[in-house]
Amino acid sequence: MNPILAILKENNISDKQVSELFQTLTQNPLAAMATIGQLGLPQEQLQQLMTQVMQNPALIKEAVEELGLDFAKVEAAKAQLNQQ
């Protein structure tokens, strides 16, 4: 399992919340970071998750594919983030 998804599952984040998080990530990466912060993860795991999200975009792609979402939207969101 993808390490990002594993951390979320480990902390009993529902499938619905995980899907919503990645939908937000595809539409607005900055909002997704705020959403991740509101999930109630322990500080150590929150920091680990944020580090993985920021440093390894391939993990995001893997998670999006595991969830059956549209990766093209993730790429568009990433481009939008890079423009800011």
N, C-alpha and C. Protein backbone atom coordinates (compact mmCIF):
# COMPACT_ATOMS: atom_id res chain seq x y z
N MET A 1 0.85 -1.18 0.00
CA MET A 1 0.00 0.00 0.00
C MET A 1 0.89 1.24 0.00
N ASN A 2 0.42 2.25 -0.66
CA ASN A 2 1.09 3.54 -0.72
C ASN A 2 1.31 4.08 0.69
N PRO A 3 2.53 4.59 1.00
CA PRO A 3 2.80 5.06 2.37
C PRO A 3 1.91 6.21 2.83
N ILE A 4 1.50 7.06 1.90
CA ILE A 4 0.58 8.15 2.28
C ILE A 4 -0.76 7.56 2.70
N LEU A 5 -1.28 6.65 1.91
CA LEU A 5 -2.55 6.00 2.25
C LEU A 5 -2.41 5.17 3.52
N ALA A 6 -1.26 4.54 3.70
CA ALA A 6 -1.03 3.71 4.89
C ALA A 6 -1.11 4.56 6.16
N ILE A 7 -0.49 5.74 6.15
CA ILE A 7 -0.54 6.62 7.32
C ILE A 7 -1.98 7.03 7.60
N LEU A 8 -2.71 7.36 6.56
CA LEU A 8 -4.10 7.78 6.75
C LEU A 8 -4.95 6.64 7.31
N LYS A 9 -4.77 5.44 6.77
CA LYS A 9 -5.53 4.28 7.24
C LYS A 9 -5.16 3.92 8.67
N GLU A 10 -3.86 4.02 8.98
CA GLU A 10 -3.36 3.73 10.33
C GLU A 10 -4.05 4.59 11.38
N ASN A 11 -4.43 5.79 10.96
CA ASN A 11 -5.05 6.74 11.88
C ASN A 11 -6.56 6.79 11.73
N ASN A 12 -7.11 5.72 11.16
CA ASN A 12 -8.56 5.56 11.04
C ASN A 12 -9.24 6.70 10.27
N ILE A 13 -8.54 7.22 9.26
CA ILE A 13 -9.14 8.21 8.39
C ILE A 13 -10.02 7.43 7.41
N SER A 14 -11.28 7.81 7.33
CA SER A 14 -12.24 7.04 6.52
C SER A 14 -11.91 7.10 5.04
N ASP A 15 -12.40 6.11 4.31
CA ASP A 15 -12.19 6.08 2.86
C ASP A 15 -12.76 7.34 2.22
N LYS A 16 -13.88 7.79 2.73
CA LYS A 16 -14.52 9.00 2.20
C LYS A 16 -13.60 10.21 2.41
N GLN A 17 -13.01 10.34 3.61
CA GLN A 17 -12.11 11.46 3.89
C GLN A 17 -10.86 11.38 3.02
N VAL A 18 -10.33 10.17 2.83
CA VAL A 18 -9.15 9.99 1.99
C VAL A 18 -9.46 10.41 0.56
N SER A 19 -10.59 9.96 0.05
CA SER A 19 -10.97 10.31 -1.31
C SER A 19 -11.17 11.82 -1.45
N GLU A 20 -11.84 12.43 -0.47
CA GLU A 20 -12.06 13.88 -0.50
C GLU A 20 -10.73 14.63 -0.44
N LEU A 21 -9.80 14.13 0.36
CA LEU A 21 -8.49 14.76 0.47
C LEU A 21 -7.79 14.77 -0.89
N PHE A 22 -7.80 13.64 -1.57
CA PHE A 22 -7.12 13.58 -2.85
C PHE A 22 -7.87 14.33 -3.93
N GLN A 23 -9.20 14.42 -3.82
CA GLN A 23 -9.97 15.28 -4.73
C GLN A 23 -9.54 16.73 -4.53
N THR A 24 -9.42 17.15 -3.27
CA THR A 24 -8.98 18.51 -2.96
C THR A 24 -7.57 18.72 -3.49
N LEU A 25 -6.72 17.73 -3.32
CA LEU A 25 -5.35 17.82 -3.80
C LEU A 25 -5.31 18.04 -5.31
N THR A 26 -6.21 17.40 -6.04
CA THR A 26 -6.22 17.57 -7.49
C THR A 26 -6.75 18.93 -7.90
N GLN A 27 -7.55 19.55 -7.05
CA GLN A 27 -8.15 20.83 -7.40
C GLN A 27 -7.39 22.02 -6.82
N ASN A 28 -6.88 21.87 -5.60
CA ASN A 28 -6.21 22.98 -4.94
C ASN A 28 -5.21 22.44 -3.92
N PRO A 29 -3.96 22.28 -4.34
CA PRO A 29 -2.95 21.67 -3.46
C PRO A 29 -2.76 22.40 -2.13
N LEU A 30 -2.87 23.72 -2.14
CA LEU A 30 -2.70 24.46 -0.89
C LEU A 30 -3.83 24.16 0.09
N ALA A 31 -5.04 24.06 -0.42
CA ALA A 31 -6.17 23.70 0.44
C ALA A 31 -6.00 22.28 0.97
N ALA A 32 -5.44 21.40 0.16
CA ALA A 32 -5.22 20.03 0.60
C ALA A 32 -4.25 19.98 1.78
N MET A 33 -3.25 20.83 1.77
CA MET A 33 -2.30 20.87 2.88
C MET A 33 -3.03 21.28 4.17
N ALA A 34 -3.92 22.24 4.06
CA ALA A 34 -4.71 22.66 5.23
C ALA A 34 -5.61 21.52 5.68
N THR A 35 -6.19 20.80 4.74
CA THR A 35 -7.07 19.68 5.06
C THR A 35 -6.30 18.58 5.77
N ILE A 36 -5.10 18.30 5.30
CA ILE A 36 -4.26 17.28 5.95
C ILE A 36 -4.01 17.68 7.40
N GLY A 37 -3.76 18.96 7.63
CA GLY A 37 -3.51 19.45 8.97
C GLY A 37 -4.70 19.30 9.90
N GLN A 38 -5.91 19.23 9.34
CA GLN A 38 -7.13 19.14 10.14
C GLN A 38 -7.59 17.71 10.39
N LEU A 39 -6.84 16.73 9.93
CA LEU A 39 -7.27 15.33 10.07
C LEU A 39 -7.06 14.77 11.47
N GLY A 40 -6.33 15.50 12.30
CA GLY A 40 -6.10 15.03 13.67
C GLY A 40 -5.01 13.97 13.79
N LEU A 41 -4.08 13.97 12.85
CA LEU A 41 -2.98 13.00 12.92
C LEU A 41 -2.00 13.42 14.01
N PRO A 42 -1.37 12.46 14.67
CA PRO A 42 -0.31 12.81 15.63
C PRO A 42 0.77 13.62 14.93
N GLN A 43 1.37 14.58 15.63
CA GLN A 43 2.34 15.51 15.03
C GLN A 43 3.44 14.80 14.24
N GLU A 44 3.98 13.73 14.79
CA GLU A 44 5.06 13.01 14.11
C GLU A 44 4.59 12.46 12.76
N GLN A 45 3.40 11.87 12.73
CA GLN A 45 2.90 11.30 11.48
C GLN A 45 2.46 12.40 10.52
N LEU A 46 1.93 13.49 11.06
CA LEU A 46 1.54 14.62 10.22
C LEU A 46 2.77 15.17 9.50
N GLN A 47 3.85 15.32 10.24
CA GLN A 47 5.09 15.82 9.65
C GLN A 47 5.62 14.85 8.59
N GLN A 48 5.57 13.57 8.89
CA GLN A 48 6.02 12.54 7.94
C GLN A 48 5.17 12.59 6.67
N LEU A 49 3.87 12.71 6.83
CA LEU A 49 2.96 12.75 5.69
C LEU A 49 3.21 13.98 4.84
N MET A 50 3.35 15.14 5.48
CA MET A 50 3.59 16.38 4.74
C MET A 50 4.92 16.30 3.98
N THR A 51 5.93 15.73 4.61
CA THR A 51 7.24 15.58 3.96
C THR A 51 7.11 14.71 2.73
N GLN A 52 6.40 13.60 2.85
CA GLN A 52 6.23 12.71 1.70
C GLN A 52 5.46 13.38 0.58
N VAL A 53 4.42 14.10 0.93
CA VAL A 53 3.61 14.78 -0.09
C VAL A 53 4.45 15.82 -0.83
N MET A 54 5.27 16.57 -0.09
CA MET A 54 6.04 17.64 -0.71
C MET A 54 7.26 17.13 -1.48
N GLN A 55 7.90 16.08 -0.99
CA GLN A 55 9.16 15.64 -1.58
C GLN A 55 9.04 14.52 -2.61
N ASN A 56 7.94 13.83 -2.61
CA ASN A 56 7.83 12.69 -3.51
C ASN A 56 6.49 12.67 -4.24
N PRO A 57 6.36 13.49 -5.28
CA PRO A 57 5.10 13.55 -6.02
C PRO A 57 4.68 12.21 -6.61
N ALA A 58 5.63 11.31 -6.82
CA ALA A 58 5.28 9.99 -7.36
C ALA A 58 4.35 9.24 -6.41
N LEU A 59 4.52 9.46 -5.11
CA LEU A 59 3.62 8.82 -4.14
C LEU A 59 2.20 9.34 -4.28
N ILE A 60 2.07 10.61 -4.61
CA ILE A 60 0.74 11.18 -4.82
C ILE A 60 0.10 10.50 -6.03
N LYS A 61 0.87 10.36 -7.10
CA LYS A 61 0.35 9.70 -8.31
C LYS A 61 -0.09 8.28 -7.98
N GLU A 62 0.75 7.55 -7.25
CA GLU A 62 0.40 6.17 -6.88
C GLU A 62 -0.90 6.14 -6.07
N ALA A 63 -1.02 7.04 -5.10
CA ALA A 63 -2.22 7.07 -4.26
C ALA A 63 -3.45 7.41 -5.10
N VAL A 64 -3.31 8.37 -5.99
CA VAL A 64 -4.43 8.76 -6.86
C VAL A 64 -4.86 7.57 -7.71
N GLU A 65 -3.89 6.84 -8.25
CA GLU A 65 -4.21 5.67 -9.07
C GLU A 65 -4.87 4.58 -8.22
N GLU A 66 -4.37 4.36 -6.99
CA GLU A 66 -4.97 3.36 -6.11
C GLU A 66 -6.43 3.71 -5.80
N LEU A 67 -6.70 5.02 -5.70
CA LEU A 67 -8.05 5.47 -5.38
C LEU A 67 -8.94 5.56 -6.62
N GLY A 68 -8.34 5.38 -7.80
CA GLY A 68 -9.11 5.43 -9.03
C GLY A 68 -9.49 6.84 -9.45
N LEU A 69 -8.69 7.83 -9.07
CA LEU A 69 -8.97 9.21 -9.44
C LEU A 69 -8.20 9.58 -10.71
N ASP A 70 -8.46 10.77 -11.23
CA ASP A 70 -7.86 11.25 -12.47
C ASP A 70 -6.53 11.95 -12.20
N PHE A 71 -5.41 11.33 -12.61
CA PHE A 71 -4.11 11.92 -12.33
C PHE A 71 -3.86 13.18 -13.15
N ALA A 72 -4.51 13.34 -14.27
CA ALA A 72 -4.34 14.56 -15.08
C ALA A 72 -4.70 15.79 -14.26
N LYS A 73 -5.69 15.66 -13.39
CA LYS A 73 -6.07 16.78 -12.52
C LYS A 73 -4.98 17.08 -11.51
N VAL A 74 -4.29 16.05 -11.05
CA VAL A 74 -3.17 16.26 -10.12
C VAL A 74 -2.07 17.03 -10.83
N GLU A 75 -1.77 16.67 -12.06
CA GLU A 75 -0.74 17.37 -12.82
C GLU A 75 -1.11 18.83 -13.02
N ALA A 76 -2.37 19.10 -13.32
CA ALA A 76 -2.83 20.48 -13.50
C ALA A 76 -2.70 21.26 -12.20
N ALA A 77 -3.04 20.62 -11.08
CA ALA A 77 -2.93 21.28 -9.78
C ALA A 77 -1.47 21.57 -9.45
N LYS A 78 -0.59 20.64 -9.78
CA LYS A 78 0.84 20.81 -9.52
C LYS A 78 1.37 21.99 -10.34
N ALA A 79 0.95 22.10 -11.59
CA ALA A 79 1.37 23.22 -12.43
C ALA A 79 0.88 24.54 -11.85
N GLN A 80 -0.34 24.53 -11.35
CA GLN A 80 -0.91 25.73 -10.73
C GLN A 80 -0.10 26.12 -9.51
N LEU A 81 0.28 25.15 -8.70
CA LEU A 81 1.07 25.41 -7.50
C LEU A 81 2.44 25.97 -7.87
N ASN A 82 3.05 25.45 -8.91
CA ASN A 82 4.37 25.91 -9.35
C ASN A 82 4.35 27.34 -9.88
N GLN A 83 3.19 27.80 -10.35
CA GLN A 83 3.07 29.16 -10.88
C GLN A 83 2.99 30.19 -9.75
N GLN A 84 2.61 29.77 -8.57
CA GLN A 84 2.41 30.71 -7.46
C GLN A 84 3.69 31.05 -6.78
